[in-house]
Amino acid sequence: MFFGGLILLSACSGEQVTGAPENLLKKPDLISVLIDLHILESHFQREYSRPDLYRDALDSSSVSIFKSHNTTKANFEESLDYYALNPESLHGIYEAALDSINYRMSSAH
């Protein structure tokens, strides 16, 4: 996924993160944001198929998701970078998001 790739690149950017960010998103909150971002990205992928055609629209649309979760893109990225310090923790976060998306999809059918 496009957004997922960006998220992982951000989390592995090599910047040293020391201590928890001041406004660290708790895991359940981070998972909720990830779910909404991945669903949004999936919509754009279905509509346009090529990331170069929807990249800007996806980025601007994601702002509403951050607002709905009372956070910012910067806070989301800082939290993700923090959890990436422990790969098992980050894996668990992504696994929970994927499980939730899969559950929603199976419930919709």
Protein backbone atom coordinates (compact mmCIF):
# COMPACT_ATOMS: atom_id res chain seq x y z
CA MET A 1 0.00 0.00 0.00
CA PHE A 2 1.16 3.49 -0.79
CA PHE A 3 0.40 5.00 2.60
CA GLY A 4 1.70 1.93 4.37
CA GLY A 5 4.95 2.24 2.47
CA LEU A 6 5.26 5.88 3.47
CA ILE A 7 4.51 5.00 7.05
CA LEU A 8 7.18 2.34 7.17
CA LEU A 9 9.71 4.62 5.48
CA SER A 10 8.98 7.27 8.06
CA ALA A 11 9.31 4.77 10.87
CA CYS A 12 12.66 3.55 9.53
CA SER A 13 14.06 6.94 8.57
CA GLY A 14 17.10 6.55 10.78
CA GLU A 15 16.28 9.52 12.98
CA GLN A 16 17.10 8.77 16.58
CA VAL A 17 14.02 9.00 18.75
CA THR A 18 14.69 9.27 22.45
CA GLY A 19 11.85 8.79 24.91
CA ALA A 20 8.17 8.93 24.16
CA PRO A 21 6.86 11.96 22.27
CA GLU A 22 4.99 14.47 24.38
CA ASN A 23 1.67 13.67 22.68
CA LEU A 24 2.25 9.96 22.08
CA LEU A 25 -0.79 8.28 20.59
CA LYS A 26 -1.77 5.23 22.61
CA LYS A 27 -1.70 2.00 20.62
CA PRO A 28 -5.51 1.75 20.22
CA ASP A 29 -5.64 5.33 18.95
CA LEU A 30 -2.75 4.76 16.56
CA ILE A 31 -4.46 1.61 15.27
CA SER A 32 -7.68 3.56 14.63
CA VAL A 33 -5.82 6.19 12.62
CA LEU A 34 -3.98 3.49 10.64
CA ILE A 35 -7.26 1.73 9.83
CA ASP A 36 -8.84 4.91 8.50
CA LEU A 37 -5.73 5.83 6.50
CA HIS A 38 -5.52 2.40 4.91
CA ILE A 39 -9.22 2.40 4.02
CA LEU A 40 -8.81 5.85 2.47
CA GLU A 41 -5.79 4.70 0.50
CA SER A 42 -7.63 1.60 -0.67
CA HIS A 43 -10.42 3.81 -2.01
CA PHE A 44 -7.95 5.90 -4.01
CA GLN A 45 -6.20 2.78 -5.31
CA ARG A 46 -9.50 1.37 -6.58
CA GLU A 47 -10.45 4.67 -8.23
CA TYR A 48 -7.15 5.66 -9.83
CA SER A 49 -4.83 2.61 -9.62
CA ARG A 50 -1.65 4.67 -10.07
CA PRO A 51 -0.15 6.43 -7.00
CA ASP A 52 1.10 9.34 -9.10
CA LEU A 53 -2.54 10.12 -9.99
CA TYR A 54 -3.83 10.22 -6.42
CA ARG A 55 -0.87 11.06 -4.18
CA ASP A 56 -1.82 14.73 -3.63
CA ALA A 57 -5.51 13.97 -3.14
CA LEU A 58 -4.68 11.22 -0.65
CA ASP A 59 -2.39 13.53 1.29
CA SER A 60 -4.97 16.31 1.51
CA SER A 61 -7.78 13.85 2.36
CA SER A 62 -5.74 12.37 5.18
CA VAL A 63 -5.86 15.73 6.99
CA SER A 64 -9.55 15.13 7.77
CA ILE A 65 -8.70 11.74 9.24
CA PHE A 66 -6.09 13.26 11.54
CA LYS A 67 -8.60 15.94 12.59
CA SER A 68 -11.28 13.34 13.30
CA HIS A 69 -8.83 11.56 15.62
CA ASN A 70 -7.78 14.82 17.30
CA THR A 71 -4.20 14.50 16.13
CA THR A 72 -1.89 15.79 13.43
CA LYS A 73 0.21 14.12 10.77
CA ALA A 74 3.34 15.14 12.68
CA ASN A 75 2.03 13.64 15.94
CA PHE A 76 1.01 10.47 14.12
CA GLU A 77 4.46 10.14 12.54
CA GLU A 78 6.25 10.81 15.85
CA SER A 79 4.14 8.15 17.55
CA LEU A 80 4.77 5.68 14.76
CA ASP A 81 8.52 6.38 14.92
CA TYR A 82 8.44 5.76 18.67
CA TYR A 83 6.66 2.41 18.34
CA ALA A 84 9.03 1.46 15.50
CA LEU A 85 11.84 1.39 18.06
CA ASN A 86 10.37 -1.96 19.06
CA PRO A 87 9.64 -3.87 15.81
CA GLU A 88 7.49 -6.44 17.62
CA SER A 89 5.31 -3.66 18.97
CA LEU A 90 4.97 -2.07 15.54
CA HIS A 91 4.18 -5.46 14.00
CA GLY A 92 1.42 -5.94 16.59
CA ILE A 93 -0.03 -2.52 15.75
CA TYR A 94 -0.14 -3.28 12.03
CA GLU A 95 -1.52 -6.77 12.67
CA ALA A 96 -4.34 -5.34 14.81
CA ALA A 97 -5.16 -2.76 12.10
CA LEU A 98 -5.23 -5.44 9.41
CA ASP A 99 -7.39 -7.74 11.54
CA SER A 100 -9.87 -4.92 12.08
CA ILE A 101 -10.00 -4.07 8.38
CA ASN A 102 -10.49 -7.73 7.48
CA TYR A 103 -13.27 -8.03 10.06
CA ARG A 104 -15.03 -4.97 8.66
CA MET A 105 -14.77 -6.35 5.14
CA SER A 106 -16.14 -9.75 6.12
CA SER A 107 -18.99 -8.14 8.09
CA ALA A 108 -19.95 -5.98 5.11
CA HIS A 109 -20.61 -9.00 2.87
